[in-house]
Amino acid sequence: MQKPSSVLLAQFGPEILRRINLDRGRVRPSFSLDVAAGAELYRNEQRSAAVEIQSNDLTSRLNVVNFASLFSGTAIAPQRSISARVKLTF
């Protein structure tokens, strides 16, 4: 692998350049571990209550989706996020 030029290093930084194969002009394979779970807490004929929780990218690893594309530039996958949802039906 050839050394990245100082222009690329200054523009994108070493973290992003480590995720790029400059010889092939491609983004290296990425990995993201996501987990989700949900449960229905209450239910009768007309009412229900449920809760859901989801975590994306548990590894919190920098994943490059696209690098220096003509139309979209460089795209980075979102880092770790956690969300929860409560659903009430009545």
PDB file of N, CA and C in Angstrom:
ATOM      1  N   MET A   1       0.837  -1.183   0.000  1.00  0.00           N
ATOM      2  CA  MET A   1       0.000   0.000   0.000  1.00  0.00           C
ATOM      3  C   MET A   1       0.875   1.237   0.000  1.00  0.00           C
ATOM      4  N   GLN A   2       0.549   2.181  -0.865  1.00  0.00           N
ATOM      5  CA  GLN A   2       1.327   3.398  -0.916  1.00  0.00           C
ATOM      6  C   GLN A   2       0.946   4.320   0.226  1.00  0.00           C
ATOM      7  N   LYS A   3       1.870   5.167   0.609  1.00  0.00           N
ATOM      8  CA  LYS A   3       1.605   6.100   1.705  1.00  0.00           C
ATOM      9  C   LYS A   3       0.658   7.189   1.229  1.00  0.00           C
ATOM     10  N   PRO A   4      -0.321   7.572   2.071  1.00  0.00           N
ATOM     11  CA  PRO A   4      -1.230   8.636   1.662  1.00  0.00           C
ATOM     12  C   PRO A   4      -0.492   9.965   1.592  1.00  0.00           C
ATOM     13  N   SER A   5      -0.871  10.790   0.645  1.00  0.00           N
ATOM     14  CA  SER A   5      -0.231  12.090   0.512  1.00  0.00           C
ATOM     15  C   SER A   5      -0.619  12.970   1.686  1.00  0.00           C
ATOM     16  N   SER A   6       0.194  13.969   1.941  1.00  0.00           N
ATOM     17  CA  SER A   6      -0.076  14.872   3.062  1.00  0.00           C
ATOM     18  C   SER A   6      -1.352  15.675   2.825  1.00  0.00           C
ATOM     19  N   VAL A   7      -1.731  15.880   1.562  1.00  0.00           N
ATOM     20  CA  VAL A   7      -2.976  16.591   1.258  1.00  0.00           C
ATOM     21  C   VAL A   7      -4.169  15.761   1.723  1.00  0.00           C
ATOM     22  N   LEU A   8      -4.174  14.453   1.391  1.00  0.00           N
ATOM     23  CA  LEU A   8      -5.259  13.574   1.844  1.00  0.00           C
ATOM     24  C   LEU A   8      -5.281  13.466   3.355  1.00  0.00           C
ATOM     25  N   LEU A   9      -4.116  13.369   3.955  1.00  0.00           N
ATOM     26  CA  LEU A   9      -4.021  13.251   5.406  1.00  0.00           C
ATOM     27  C   LEU A   9      -4.573  14.498   6.082  1.00  0.00           C
ATOM     28  N   ALA A  10      -4.244  15.666   5.548  1.00  0.00           N
ATOM     29  CA  ALA A  10      -4.729  16.919   6.130  1.00  0.00           C
ATOM     30  C   ALA A  10      -6.231  17.076   5.922  1.00  0.00           C
ATOM     31  N   GLN A  11      -6.737  16.631   4.778  1.00  0.00           N
ATOM     32  CA  GLN A  11      -8.150  16.812   4.468  1.00  0.00           C
ATOM     33  C   GLN A  11      -9.052  15.832   5.220  1.00  0.00           C
ATOM     34  N   PHE A  12      -8.644  14.565   5.310  1.00  0.00           N
ATOM     35  CA  PHE A  12      -9.526  13.539   5.873  1.00  0.00           C
ATOM     36  C   PHE A  12      -9.089  13.021   7.242  1.00  0.00           C
ATOM     37  N   GLY A  13      -7.819  13.095   7.567  1.00  0.00           N
ATOM     38  CA  GLY A  13      -7.331  12.608   8.846  1.00  0.00           C
ATOM     39  C   GLY A  13      -6.968  11.133   8.799  1.00  0.00           C
ATOM     40  N   PRO A  14      -6.127  10.677   9.734  1.00  0.00           N
ATOM     41  CA  PRO A  14      -5.637   9.297   9.713  1.00  0.00           C
ATOM     42  C   PRO A  14      -6.718   8.253   9.992  1.00  0.00           C
ATOM     43  N   GLU A  15      -7.741   8.596  10.803  1.00  0.00           N
ATOM     44  CA  GLU A  15      -8.784   7.619  11.129  1.00  0.00           C
ATOM     45  C   GLU A  15      -9.561   7.202   9.876  1.00  0.00           C
ATOM     46  N   ILE A  16      -9.882   8.159   9.044  1.00  0.00           N
ATOM     47  CA  ILE A  16     -10.628   7.848   7.822  1.00  0.00           C
ATOM     48  C   ILE A  16      -9.731   7.148   6.811  1.00  0.00           C
ATOM     49  N   LEU A  17      -8.496   7.595   6.655  1.00  0.00           N
ATOM     50  CA  LEU A  17      -7.598   6.991   5.664  1.00  0.00           C
ATOM     51  C   LEU A  17      -7.259   5.544   5.990  1.00  0.00           C
ATOM     52  N   ARG A  18      -7.302   5.161   7.273  1.00  0.00           N
ATOM     53  CA  ARG A  18      -7.069   3.756   7.635  1.00  0.00           C
ATOM     54  C   ARG A  18      -8.188   2.856   7.124  1.00  0.00           C
ATOM     55  N   ARG A  19      -9.368   3.406   6.869  1.00  0.00           N
ATOM     56  CA  ARG A  19     -10.519   2.634   6.410  1.00  0.00           C
ATOM     57  C   ARG A  19     -10.628   2.609   4.881  1.00  0.00           C
ATOM     58  N   ILE A  20      -9.614   3.154   4.173  1.00  0.00           N
ATOM     59  CA  ILE A  20      -9.624   3.237   2.712  1.00  0.00           C
ATOM     60  C   ILE A  20      -8.456   2.439   2.153  1.00  0.00           C
ATOM     61  N   ASN A  21      -8.697   1.673   1.089  1.00  0.00           N
ATOM     62  CA  ASN A  21      -7.629   0.998   0.351  1.00  0.00           C
ATOM     63  C   ASN A  21      -7.325   1.881  -0.858  1.00  0.00           C
ATOM     64  N   LEU A  22      -6.299   2.716  -0.731  1.00  0.00           N
ATOM     65  CA  LEU A  22      -5.974   3.677  -1.784  1.00  0.00           C
ATOM     66  C   LEU A  22      -5.472   2.992  -3.052  1.00  0.00           C
ATOM     67  N   ASP A  23      -4.818   1.844  -2.929  1.00  0.00           N
ATOM     68  CA  ASP A  23      -4.332   1.129  -4.113  1.00  0.00           C
ATOM     69  C   ASP A  23      -5.487   0.678  -5.004  1.00  0.00           C
ATOM     70  N   ARG A  24      -6.557   0.199  -4.391  1.00  0.00           N
ATOM     71  CA  ARG A  24      -7.724  -0.286  -5.153  1.00  0.00           C
ATOM     72  C   ARG A  24      -8.769   0.801  -5.368  1.00  0.00           C
ATOM     73  N   GLY A  25      -8.631   1.919  -4.656  1.00  0.00           N
ATOM     74  CA  GLY A  25      -9.625   2.983  -4.767  1.00  0.00           C
ATOM     75  C   GLY A  25     -10.957   2.601  -4.170  1.00  0.00           C
ATOM     76  N   ARG A  26     -10.906   1.808  -3.086  1.00  0.00           N
ATOM     77  CA  ARG A  26     -12.144   1.303  -2.475  1.00  0.00           C
ATOM     78  C   ARG A  26     -12.126   1.496  -0.962  1.00  0.00           C
ATOM     79  N   VAL A  27     -13.324   1.501  -0.412  1.00  0.00           N
ATOM     80  CA  VAL A  27     -13.490   1.523   1.041  1.00  0.00           C
ATOM     81  C   VAL A  27     -13.281   0.108   1.552  1.00  0.00           C
ATOM     82  N   ARG A  28     -12.552  -0.030   2.663  1.00  0.00           N
ATOM     83  CA  ARG A  28     -12.353  -1.359   3.260  1.00  0.00           C
ATOM     84  C   ARG A  28     -13.682  -1.869   3.840  1.00  0.00           C
ATOM     85  N   PRO A  29     -13.832  -3.182   3.982  1.00  0.00           N
ATOM     86  CA  PRO A  29     -15.064  -3.723   4.575  1.00  0.00           C
ATOM     87  C   PRO A  29     -15.308  -3.142   5.966  1.00  0.00           C
ATOM     88  N   SER A  30     -16.569  -2.966   6.296  1.00  0.00           N
ATOM     89  CA  SER A  30     -16.909  -2.406   7.600  1.00  0.00           C
ATOM     90  C   SER A  30     -17.736  -3.409   8.396  1.00  0.00           C
ATOM     91  N   PHE A  31     -17.896  -3.117   9.675  1.00  0.00           N
ATOM     92  CA  PHE A  31     -18.642  -3.998  10.567  1.00  0.00           C
ATOM     93  C   PHE A  31     -19.430  -3.139  11.552  1.00  0.00           C
ATOM     94  N   SER A  32     -20.690  -3.458  11.714  1.00  0.00           N
ATOM     95  CA  SER A  32     -21.529  -2.765  12.672  1.00  0.00           C
ATOM     96  C   SER A  32     -22.392  -3.807  13.385  1.00  0.00           C
ATOM     97  N   LEU A  33     -22.428  -3.759  14.701  1.00  0.00           N
ATOM     98  CA  LEU A  33     -23.221  -4.693  15.493  1.00  0.00           C
ATOM     99  C   LEU A  33     -24.408  -3.936  16.087  1.00  0.00           C
ATOM    100  N   ASP A  34     -25.616  -4.337  15.684  1.00  0.00           N
ATOM    101  CA  ASP A  34     -26.846  -3.697  16.145  1.00  0.00           C
ATOM    102  C   ASP A  34     -27.674  -4.701  16.940  1.00  0.00           C
ATOM    103  N   VAL A  35     -28.384  -4.209  17.959  1.00  0.00           N
ATOM    104  CA  VAL A  35     -29.214  -5.061  18.803  1.00  0.00           C
ATOM    105  C   VAL A  35     -30.539  -4.341  19.058  1.00  0.00           C
ATOM    106  N   ALA A  36     -31.611  -5.100  19.047  1.00  0.00           N
ATOM    107  CA  ALA A  36     -32.926  -4.539  19.353  1.00  0.00           C
ATOM    108  C   ALA A  36     -33.742  -5.555  20.147  1.00  0.00           C
ATOM    109  N   ALA A  37     -34.604  -5.040  21.018  1.00  0.00           N
ATOM    110  CA  ALA A  37     -35.484  -5.912  21.806  1.00  0.00           C
ATOM    111  C   ALA A  37     -36.771  -5.158  22.099  1.00  0.00           C
ATOM    112  N   GLY A  38     -37.827  -5.916  22.291  1.00  0.00           N
ATOM    113  CA  GLY A  38     -39.105  -5.298  22.604  1.00  0.00           C
ATOM    114  C   GLY A  38     -39.957  -6.248  23.421  1.00  0.00           C
ATOM    115  N   ALA A  39     -40.924  -5.669  24.120  1.00  0.00           N
ATOM    116  CA  ALA A  39     -41.827  -6.484  24.933  1.00  0.00           C
ATOM    117  C   ALA A  39     -43.178  -5.796  25.036  1.00  0.00           C
ATOM    118  N   GLU A  40     -44.205  -6.616  25.015  1.00  0.00           N
ATOM    119  CA  GLU A  40     -45.548  -6.096  25.245  1.00  0.00           C
ATOM    120  C   GLU A  40     -45.822  -6.195  26.741  1.00  0.00           C
ATOM    121  N   LEU A  41     -46.061  -5.071  27.382  1.00  0.00           N
ATOM    122  CA  LEU A  41     -46.216  -5.037  28.831  1.00  0.00           C
ATOM    123  C   LEU A  41     -47.655  -5.278  29.286  1.00  0.00           C
ATOM    124  N   TYR A  42     -48.595  -4.855  28.463  1.00  0.00           N
ATOM    125  CA  TYR A  42     -50.009  -4.974  28.848  1.00  0.00           C
ATOM    126  C   TYR A  42     -50.839  -5.128  27.584  1.00  0.00           C
ATOM    127  N   ARG A  43     -51.905  -5.940  27.672  1.00  0.00           N
ATOM    128  CA  ARG A  43     -52.809  -6.087  26.525  1.00  0.00           C
ATOM    129  C   ARG A  43     -54.165  -6.574  27.008  1.00  0.00           C
ATOM    130  N   ASN A  44     -55.207  -5.886  26.562  1.00  0.00           N
ATOM    131  CA  ASN A  44     -56.565  -6.412  26.663  1.00  0.00           C
ATOM    132  C   ASN A  44     -57.222  -6.147  25.313  1.00  0.00           C
ATOM    133  N   GLU A  45     -58.516  -6.230  25.193  1.00  0.00           N
ATOM    134  CA  GLU A  45     -59.146  -6.150  23.876  1.00  0.00           C
ATOM    135  C   GLU A  45     -58.949  -4.816  23.168  1.00  0.00           C
ATOM    136  N   GLN A  46     -58.925  -3.714  23.914  1.00  0.00           N
ATOM    137  CA  GLN A  46     -58.840  -2.405  23.274  1.00  0.00           C
ATOM    138  C   GLN A  46     -57.567  -1.642  23.615  1.00  0.00           C
ATOM    139  N   ARG A  47     -56.858  -2.031  24.619  1.00  0.00           N
ATOM    140  CA  ARG A  47     -55.680  -1.279  25.057  1.00  0.00           C
ATOM    141  C   ARG A  47     -54.452  -2.172  25.100  1.00  0.00           C
ATOM    142  N   SER A  48     -53.316  -1.535  24.820  1.00  0.00           N
ATOM    143  CA  SER A  48     -52.049  -2.266  24.943  1.00  0.00           C
ATOM    144  C   SER A  48     -50.918  -1.281  25.212  1.00  0.00           C
ATOM    145  N   ALA A  49     -49.852  -1.805  25.767  1.00  0.00           N
ATOM    146  CA  ALA A  49     -48.646  -1.008  26.033  1.00  0.00           C
ATOM    147  C   ALA A  49     -47.433  -1.867  25.702  1.00  0.00           C
ATOM    148  N   ALA A  50     -46.517  -1.291  24.952  1.00  0.00           N
ATOM    149  CA  ALA A  50     -45.302  -2.020  24.562  1.00  0.00           C
ATOM    150  C   ALA A  50     -44.110  -1.086  24.673  1.00  0.00           C
ATOM    151  N   VAL A  51     -42.948  -1.673  24.857  1.00  0.00           N
ATOM    152  CA  VAL A  51     -41.701  -0.905  24.935  1.00  0.00           C
ATOM    153  C   VAL A  51     -40.669  -1.567  24.022  1.00  0.00           C
ATOM    154  N   GLU A  52     -39.869  -0.751  23.353  1.00  0.00           N
ATOM    155  CA  GLU A  52     -38.808  -1.240  22.476  1.00  0.00           C
ATOM    156  C   GLU A  52     -37.537  -0.446  22.749  1.00  0.00           C
ATOM    157  N   ILE A  53     -36.391  -1.100  22.641  1.00  0.00           N
ATOM    158  CA  ILE A  53     -35.098  -0.437  22.778  1.00  0.00           C
ATOM    159  C   ILE A  53     -34.173  -0.964  21.687  1.00  0.00           C
ATOM    160  N   GLN A  54     -33.394  -0.070  21.122  1.00  0.00           N
ATOM    161  CA  GLN A  54     -32.500  -0.441  20.022  1.00  0.00           C
ATOM    162  C   GLN A  54     -31.165   0.269  20.192  1.00  0.00           C
ATOM    163  N   SER A  55     -30.093  -0.456  19.926  1.00  0.00           N
ATOM    164  CA  SER A  55     -28.748   0.120  19.946  1.00  0.00           C
ATOM    165  C   SER A  55     -28.072  -0.190  18.621  1.00  0.00           C
ATOM    166  N   ASN A  56     -27.523   0.842  17.994  1.00  0.00           N
ATOM    167  CA  ASN A  56     -26.824   0.684  16.719  1.00  0.00           C
ATOM    168  C   ASN A  56     -25.328   0.864  16.926  1.00  0.00           C
ATOM    169  N   ASP A  57     -24.551   0.051  16.248  1.00  0.00           N
ATOM    170  CA  ASP A  57     -23.088   0.097  16.253  1.00  0.00           C
ATOM    171  C   ASP A  57     -22.511  -0.009  17.671  1.00  0.00           C
ATOM    172  N   LEU A  58     -22.739  -1.148  18.303  1.00  0.00           N
ATOM    173  CA  LEU A  58     -22.217  -1.379  19.654  1.00  0.00           C
ATOM    174  C   LEU A  58     -20.690  -1.318  19.717  1.00  0.00           C
ATOM    175  N   THR A  59     -20.022  -1.604  18.608  1.00  0.00           N
ATOM    176  CA  THR A  59     -18.560  -1.582  18.596  1.00  0.00           C
ATOM    177  C   THR A  59     -18.008  -0.167  18.568  1.00  0.00           C
ATOM    178  N   SER A  60     -18.848   0.813  18.223  1.00  0.00           N
ATOM    179  CA  SER A  60     -18.459   2.219  18.123  1.00  0.00           C
ATOM    180  C   SER A  60     -17.225   2.392  17.241  1.00  0.00           C
ATOM    181  N   ARG A  61     -17.216   1.662  16.147  1.00  0.00           N
ATOM    182  CA  ARG A  61     -16.090   1.680  15.213  1.00  0.00           C
ATOM    183  C   ARG A  61     -16.379   2.663  14.083  1.00  0.00           C
ATOM    184  N   LEU A  62     -15.376   3.382  13.646  1.00  0.00           N
ATOM    185  CA  LEU A  62     -15.537   4.300  12.526  1.00  0.00           C
ATOM    186  C   LEU A  62     -15.705   3.499  11.242  1.00  0.00           C
ATOM    187  N   ASN A  63     -16.836   3.655  10.570  1.00  0.00           N
ATOM    188  CA  ASN A  63     -17.111   2.965   9.315  1.00  0.00           C
ATOM    189  C   ASN A  63     -17.316   3.993   8.216  1.00  0.00           C
ATOM    190  N   VAL A  64     -16.483   3.920   7.186  1.00  0.00           N
ATOM    191  CA  VAL A  64     -16.595   4.814   6.043  1.00  0.00           C
ATOM    192  C   VAL A  64     -17.514   4.149   5.024  1.00  0.00           C
ATOM    193  N   VAL A  65     -18.568   4.834   4.625  1.00  0.00           N
ATOM    194  CA  VAL A  65     -19.537   4.302   3.673  1.00  0.00           C
ATOM    195  C   VAL A  65     -19.105   4.612   2.244  1.00  0.00           C
ATOM    196  N   ASN A  66     -18.621   5.824   2.021  1.00  0.00           N
ATOM    197  CA  ASN A  66     -18.250   6.284   0.693  1.00  0.00           C
ATOM    198  C   ASN A  66     -17.083   7.256   0.835  1.00  0.00           C
ATOM    199  N   PHE A  67     -16.122   7.212  -0.077  1.00  0.00           N
ATOM    200  CA  PHE A  67     -14.940   8.065   0.040  1.00  0.00           C
ATOM    201  C   PHE A  67     -14.773   8.934  -1.195  1.00  0.00           C
ATOM    202  N   ALA A  68     -14.784  10.240  -1.002  1.00  0.00           N
ATOM    203  CA  ALA A  68     -14.507  11.233  -2.035  1.00  0.00           C
ATOM    204  C   ALA A  68     -15.297  10.980  -3.316  1.00  0.00           C
ATOM    205  N   SER A  69     -16.567  10.684  -3.166  1.00  0.00           N
ATOM    206  CA  SER A  69     -17.438  10.458  -4.319  1.00  0.00           C
ATOM    207  C   SER A  69     -17.728  11.784  -5.016  1.00  0.00           C
ATOM    208  N   LEU A  70     -17.904  11.725  -6.302  1.00  0.00           N
ATOM    209  CA  LEU A  70     -18.154  12.919  -7.095  1.00  0.00           C
ATOM    210  C   LEU A  70     -19.427  13.634  -6.638  1.00  0.00           C
ATOM    211  N   PHE A  71     -20.491  12.882  -6.346  1.00  0.00           N
ATOM    212  CA  PHE A  71     -21.770  13.500  -6.012  1.00  0.00           C
ATOM    213  C   PHE A  71     -22.026  13.628  -4.510  1.00  0.00           C
ATOM    214  N   SER A  72     -21.548  12.689  -3.718  1.00  0.00           N
ATOM    215  CA  SER A  72     -21.905  12.724  -2.297  1.00  0.00           C
ATOM    216  C   SER A  72     -20.725  12.967  -1.365  1.00  0.00           C
ATOM    217  N   GLY A  73     -19.518  13.091  -1.884  1.00  0.00           N
ATOM    218  CA  GLY A  73     -18.367  13.332  -1.012  1.00  0.00           C
ATOM    219  C   GLY A  73     -18.026  12.111  -0.194  1.00  0.00           C
ATOM    220  N   THR A  74     -17.535  12.318   1.008  1.00  0.00           N
ATOM    221  CA  THR A  74     -17.180  11.228   1.905  1.00  0.00           C
ATOM    222  C   THR A  74     -18.292  11.041   2.929  1.00  0.00           C
ATOM    223  N   ALA A  75     -18.793   9.814   3.059  1.00  0.00           N
ATOM    224  CA  ALA A  75     -19.881   9.531   3.989  1.00  0.00           C
ATOM    225  C   ALA A  75     -19.376   8.621   5.103  1.00  0.00           C
ATOM    226  N   ILE A  76     -19.668   8.995   6.318  1.00  0.00           N
ATOM    227  CA  ILE A  76     -19.289   8.234   7.507  1.00  0.00           C
ATOM    228  C   ILE A  76     -20.562   7.673   8.131  1.00  0.00           C
ATOM    229  N   ALA A  77     -20.554   6.385   8.481  1.00  0.00           N
ATOM    230  CA  ALA A  77     -21.720   5.780   9.140  1.00  0.00           C
ATOM    231  C   ALA A  77     -21.868   6.374  10.534  1.00  0.00           C
ATOM    232  N   PRO A  78     -23.095   6.540  10.991  1.00  0.00           N
ATOM    233  CA  PRO A  78     -23.298   7.084  12.338  1.00  0.00           C
ATOM    234  C   PRO A  78     -22.647   6.197  13.394  1.00  0.00           C
ATOM    235  N   GLN A  79     -22.079   6.825  14.413  1.00  0.00           N
ATOM    236  CA  GLN A  79     -21.464   6.086  15.505  1.00  0.00           C
ATOM    237  C   GLN A  79     -22.555   5.578  16.448  1.00  0.00           C
ATOM    238  N   ARG A  80     -22.163   4.990  17.549  1.00  0.00           N
ATOM    239  CA  ARG A  80     -23.078   4.345  18.483  1.00  0.00           C
ATOM    240  C   ARG A  80     -24.273   5.238  18.822  1.00  0.00           C
ATOM    241  N   SER A  81     -25.454   4.642  18.782  1.00  0.00           N
ATOM    242  CA  SER A  81     -26.667   5.348  19.184  1.00  0.00           C
ATOM    243  C   SER A  81     -27.615   4.373  19.869  1.00  0.00           C
ATOM    244  N   ILE A  82     -28.399   4.901  20.781  1.00  0.00           N
ATOM    245  CA  ILE A  82     -29.370   4.101  21.513  1.00  0.00           C
ATOM    246  C   ILE A  82     -30.704   4.832  21.454  1.00  0.00           C
ATOM    247  N   SER A  83     -31.769   4.095  21.174  1.00  0.00           N
ATOM    248  CA  SER A  83     -33.095   4.708  21.142  1.00  0.00           C
ATOM    249  C   SER A  83     -34.095   3.793  21.841  1.00  0.00           C
ATOM    250  N   ALA A  84     -35.134   4.410  22.347  1.00  0.00           N
ATOM    251  CA  ALA A  84     -36.199   3.657  23.032  1.00  0.00           C
ATOM    252  C   ALA A  84     -37.543   4.208  22.576  1.00  0.00           C
ATOM    253  N   ARG A  85     -38.548   3.340  22.597  1.00  0.00           N
ATOM    254  CA  ARG A  85     -39.877   3.734  22.169  1.00  0.00           C
ATOM    255  C   ARG A  85     -40.913   3.064  23.055  1.00  0.00           C
ATOM    256  N   VAL A  86     -41.896   3.842  23.459  1.00  0.00           N
ATOM    257  CA  VAL A  86     -43.040   3.324  24.217  1.00  0.00           C
ATOM    258  C   VAL A  86     -44.255   3.491  23.307  1.00  0.00           C
ATOM    259  N   LYS A  87     -45.010   2.424  23.140  1.00  0.00           N
ATOM    260  CA  LYS A  87     -46.187   2.448  22.257  1.00  0.00           C
ATOM    261  C   LYS A  87     -47.429   2.136  23.071  1.00  0.00           C
ATOM    262  N   LEU A  88     -48.363   3.083  23.067  1.00  0.00           N
ATOM    263  CA  LEU A  88     -49.632   2.918  23.785  1.00  0.00           C
ATOM    264  C   LEU A  88     -50.762   2.907  22.769  1.00  0.00           C
ATOM    265  N   THR A  89     -51.639   1.937  22.863  1.00  0.00           N
ATOM    266  CA  THR A  89     -52.798   1.842  21.983  1.00  0.00           C
ATOM    267  C   THR A  89     -54.038   1.862  22.861  1.00  0.00           C
ATOM    268  N   PHE A  90     -54.999   2.741  22.507  1.00  0.00           N
ATOM    269  CA  PHE A  90     -56.241   2.812  23.268  1.00  0.00           C
ATOM    270  C   PHE A  90     -57.376   3.219  22.389  1.00  0.00           C
TER     271      PHE A  90
END
